[in-house]
Amino acid sequence: FFALFRHPIERAVSIFYYHQVATHERGEGVYQPELADMTIQEWLGDNRRSGEAKNFLMKSILSKKSRDLIEDDLETAKEIIRTKFLVGLVSKMEESVERFDKYFGWYDHEKRPVCQE
């Protein structure tokens, strides 16, 4: 497996603002225009609304639906990531893609097309 990780605060802020403008989303609860009347602090304090921003990855890795995670869950998730994932960072996207390239042998760097704007 490989994964790109984003700083959790940046991720939460992005989710908060995305829900305010996602008129094109068809999923239940995705578009939430009422969030425009809330501060991000209020949203984060409301577990019903901000649940997906809190420990999403841990719950996914551990297949836990419960909101209640314990300290052992954190250690288990860290071990799974350490042993099963090749990790990249969204803040270092180019370096991360290069890392994935090298590991998986996706492209021959000599023959890779050059990006043209």
C-alpha atoms as a PDB file:
ATOM      1  CA  PHE A   1       0.000   0.000   0.000  1.00  0.00           C
ATOM      2  CA  PHE A   2       0.987   3.602  -0.323  1.00  0.00           C
ATOM      3  CA  ALA A   3      -0.543   6.676   1.284  1.00  0.00           C
ATOM      4  CA  LEU A   4      -0.213  10.434   1.111  1.00  0.00           C
ATOM      5  CA  PHE A   5      -0.537  12.082   4.489  1.00  0.00           C
ATOM      6  CA  ARG A   6      -1.692  15.613   5.078  1.00  0.00           C
ATOM      7  CA  HIS A   7      -1.258  17.586   8.269  1.00  0.00           C
ATOM      8  CA  PRO A   8      -4.411  16.868  10.326  1.00  0.00           C
ATOM      9  CA  ILE A   9      -5.187  20.535  10.961  1.00  0.00           C
ATOM     10  CA  GLU A  10      -4.891  21.365   7.255  1.00  0.00           C
ATOM     11  CA  ARG A  11      -7.147  18.400   6.502  1.00  0.00           C
ATOM     12  CA  ALA A  12      -9.801  19.474   9.026  1.00  0.00           C
ATOM     13  CA  VAL A  13      -9.805  23.065   7.764  1.00  0.00           C
ATOM     14  CA  SER A  14     -10.152  21.827   4.188  1.00  0.00           C
ATOM     15  CA  ILE A  15     -13.074  19.550   5.081  1.00  0.00           C
ATOM     16  CA  PHE A  16     -14.834  22.367   6.951  1.00  0.00           C
ATOM     17  CA  TYR A  17     -14.673  24.766   4.014  1.00  0.00           C
ATOM     18  CA  TYR A  18     -15.353  22.074   1.405  1.00  0.00           C
ATOM     19  CA  HIS A  19     -18.654  21.108   3.044  1.00  0.00           C
ATOM     20  CA  GLN A  20     -19.781  24.732   2.698  1.00  0.00           C
ATOM     21  CA  VAL A  21     -19.380  24.821  -1.102  1.00  0.00           C
ATOM     22  CA  ALA A  22     -19.787  21.210  -2.280  1.00  0.00           C
ATOM     23  CA  THR A  23     -23.103  21.776  -4.067  1.00  0.00           C
ATOM     24  CA  HIS A  24     -22.163  19.205  -6.706  1.00  0.00           C
ATOM     25  CA  GLU A  25     -21.808  16.355  -4.178  1.00  0.00           C
ATOM     26  CA  ARG A  26     -24.675  13.906  -4.076  1.00  0.00           C
ATOM     27  CA  GLY A  27     -23.704  12.088  -0.872  1.00  0.00           C
ATOM     28  CA  GLU A  28     -25.865  12.673   2.165  1.00  0.00           C
ATOM     29  CA  GLY A  29     -24.396  15.249   4.501  1.00  0.00           C
ATOM     30  CA  VAL A  30     -21.596  16.378   2.204  1.00  0.00           C
ATOM     31  CA  TYR A  31     -23.002  19.758   1.198  1.00  0.00           C
ATOM     32  CA  GLN A  32     -23.729  21.670   4.400  1.00  0.00           C
ATOM     33  CA  PRO A  33     -24.353  25.356   3.637  1.00  0.00           C
ATOM     34  CA  GLU A  34     -25.297  25.994   7.278  1.00  0.00           C
ATOM     35  CA  LEU A  35     -21.600  25.661   8.160  1.00  0.00           C
ATOM     36  CA  ALA A  36     -21.091  29.125   6.706  1.00  0.00           C
ATOM     37  CA  ASP A  37     -22.762  30.437   9.877  1.00  0.00           C
ATOM     38  CA  MET A  38     -20.396  28.520  12.178  1.00  0.00           C
ATOM     39  CA  THR A  39     -16.795  29.064  13.169  1.00  0.00           C
ATOM     40  CA  ILE A  40     -14.390  26.215  12.650  1.00  0.00           C
ATOM     41  CA  GLN A  41     -14.024  25.996  16.441  1.00  0.00           C
ATOM     42  CA  GLU A  42     -17.787  25.460  16.795  1.00  0.00           C
ATOM     43  CA  TRP A  43     -17.709  22.822  14.058  1.00  0.00           C
ATOM     44  CA  LEU A  44     -14.824  20.936  15.649  1.00  0.00           C
ATOM     45  CA  GLY A  45     -16.651  21.024  18.979  1.00  0.00           C
ATOM     46  CA  ASP A  46     -19.716  19.366  17.425  1.00  0.00           C
ATOM     47  CA  ASN A  47     -18.801  15.673  17.121  1.00  0.00           C
ATOM     48  CA  ARG A  48     -21.875  14.921  15.013  1.00  0.00           C
ATOM     49  CA  ARG A  49     -20.686  17.323  12.331  1.00  0.00           C
ATOM     50  CA  SER A  50     -16.901  17.085  12.511  1.00  0.00           C
ATOM     51  CA  GLY A  51     -16.557  13.351  13.122  1.00  0.00           C
ATOM     52  CA  GLU A  52     -14.912  12.640   9.767  1.00  0.00           C
ATOM     53  CA  ALA A  53     -12.153  15.123  10.548  1.00  0.00           C
ATOM     54  CA  LYS A  54     -11.230  13.303  13.737  1.00  0.00           C
ATOM     55  CA  ASN A  55      -9.112  10.158  13.482  1.00  0.00           C
ATOM     56  CA  PHE A  56     -10.522   9.196  10.084  1.00  0.00           C
ATOM     57  CA  LEU A  57      -7.408   7.304   9.048  1.00  0.00           C
ATOM     58  CA  MET A  58      -7.051   5.457  12.347  1.00  0.00           C
ATOM     59  CA  LYS A  59     -10.651   4.308  12.222  1.00  0.00           C
ATOM     60  CA  SER A  60     -10.260   3.200   8.612  1.00  0.00           C
ATOM     61  CA  ILE A  61      -7.050   1.271   9.216  1.00  0.00           C
ATOM     62  CA  LEU A  62      -8.458  -0.411  12.307  1.00  0.00           C
ATOM     63  CA  SER A  63     -11.923  -0.980  10.785  1.00  0.00           C
ATOM     64  CA  LYS A  64     -13.507   0.785  13.760  1.00  0.00           C
ATOM     65  CA  LYS A  65     -16.776   2.604  13.455  1.00  0.00           C
ATOM     66  CA  SER A  66     -16.789   3.705  17.063  1.00  0.00           C
ATOM     67  CA  ARG A  67     -15.844   7.261  17.945  1.00  0.00           C
ATOM     68  CA  ASP A  68     -14.049   5.985  21.032  1.00  0.00           C
ATOM     69  CA  LEU A  69     -10.433   5.098  20.342  1.00  0.00           C
ATOM     70  CA  ILE A  70      -7.981   4.095  23.031  1.00  0.00           C
ATOM     71  CA  GLU A  71      -4.230   4.604  23.311  1.00  0.00           C
ATOM     72  CA  ASP A  72      -3.562   1.019  22.148  1.00  0.00           C
ATOM     73  CA  ASP A  73      -5.453   1.801  18.934  1.00  0.00           C
ATOM     74  CA  LEU A  74      -2.974   4.568  18.154  1.00  0.00           C
ATOM     75  CA  GLU A  75      -0.026   2.226  18.637  1.00  0.00           C
ATOM     76  CA  THR A  76      -1.670  -0.463  16.494  1.00  0.00           C
ATOM     77  CA  ALA A  77      -2.394   2.011  13.688  1.00  0.00           C
ATOM     78  CA  LYS A  78       1.166   3.356  13.791  1.00  0.00           C
ATOM     79  CA  GLU A  79       2.545  -0.180  13.530  1.00  0.00           C
ATOM     80  CA  ILE A  80       0.290  -0.987  10.567  1.00  0.00           C
ATOM     81  CA  ILE A  81       1.390   2.183   8.767  1.00  0.00           C
ATOM     82  CA  ARG A  82       5.064   1.521   9.596  1.00  0.00           C
ATOM     83  CA  THR A  83       5.015  -2.044   8.314  1.00  0.00           C
ATOM     84  CA  LYS A  84       2.425  -2.020   5.518  1.00  0.00           C
ATOM     85  CA  PHE A  85       2.531   1.426   3.879  1.00  0.00           C
ATOM     86  CA  LEU A  86       4.926   3.458   1.811  1.00  0.00           C
ATOM     87  CA  VAL A  87       4.272   6.974   3.085  1.00  0.00           C
ATOM     88  CA  GLY A  88       4.378  10.297   1.268  1.00  0.00           C
ATOM     89  CA  LEU A  89       3.432  13.790   2.371  1.00  0.00           C
ATOM     90  CA  VAL A  90       0.986  16.063   0.571  1.00  0.00           C
ATOM     91  CA  SER A  91       3.193  19.019   1.555  1.00  0.00           C
ATOM     92  CA  LYS A  92       6.046  17.350  -0.363  1.00  0.00           C
ATOM     93  CA  MET A  93       4.029  15.984  -3.260  1.00  0.00           C
ATOM     94  CA  GLU A  94       6.778  15.953  -5.883  1.00  0.00           C
ATOM     95  CA  GLU A  95       9.234  14.167  -3.597  1.00  0.00           C
ATOM     96  CA  SER A  96       6.526  11.723  -2.549  1.00  0.00           C
ATOM     97  CA  VAL A  97       5.602  10.815  -6.127  1.00  0.00           C
ATOM     98  CA  GLU A  98       9.291  10.331  -6.922  1.00  0.00           C
ATOM     99  CA  ARG A  99       9.544   8.023  -3.920  1.00  0.00           C
ATOM    100  CA  PHE A 100       6.546   5.984  -5.086  1.00  0.00           C
ATOM    101  CA  ASP A 101       8.013   5.906  -8.601  1.00  0.00           C
ATOM    102  CA  LYS A 102      11.298   4.482  -7.392  1.00  0.00           C
ATOM    103  CA  TYR A 103       9.731   1.943  -5.084  1.00  0.00           C
ATOM    104  CA  PHE A 104       7.117   0.615  -7.494  1.00  0.00           C
ATOM    105  CA  GLY A 105       9.157   1.110 -10.679  1.00  0.00           C
ATOM    106  CA  TRP A 106       6.256   2.897 -12.336  1.00  0.00           C
ATOM    107  CA  TYR A 107       8.272   4.941 -14.816  1.00  0.00           C
ATOM    108  CA  ASP A 108      11.589   4.823 -16.523  1.00  0.00           C
ATOM    109  CA  HIS A 109      12.845   8.296 -15.607  1.00  0.00           C
ATOM    110  CA  GLU A 110      14.819   8.541 -18.835  1.00  0.00           C
ATOM    111  CA  LYS A 111      11.654   8.155 -20.916  1.00  0.00           C
ATOM    112  CA  ARG A 112       9.254  10.121 -18.716  1.00  0.00           C
ATOM    113  CA  PRO A 113       7.457  12.869 -20.610  1.00  0.00           C
ATOM    114  CA  VAL A 114       8.201  16.398 -19.518  1.00  0.00           C
ATOM    115  CA  CYS A 115       5.250  18.362 -18.154  1.00  0.00           C
ATOM    116  CA  GLN A 116       4.422  21.276 -20.392  1.00  0.00           C
ATOM    117  CA  GLU A 117       2.215  24.128 -19.301  1.00  0.00           C
END
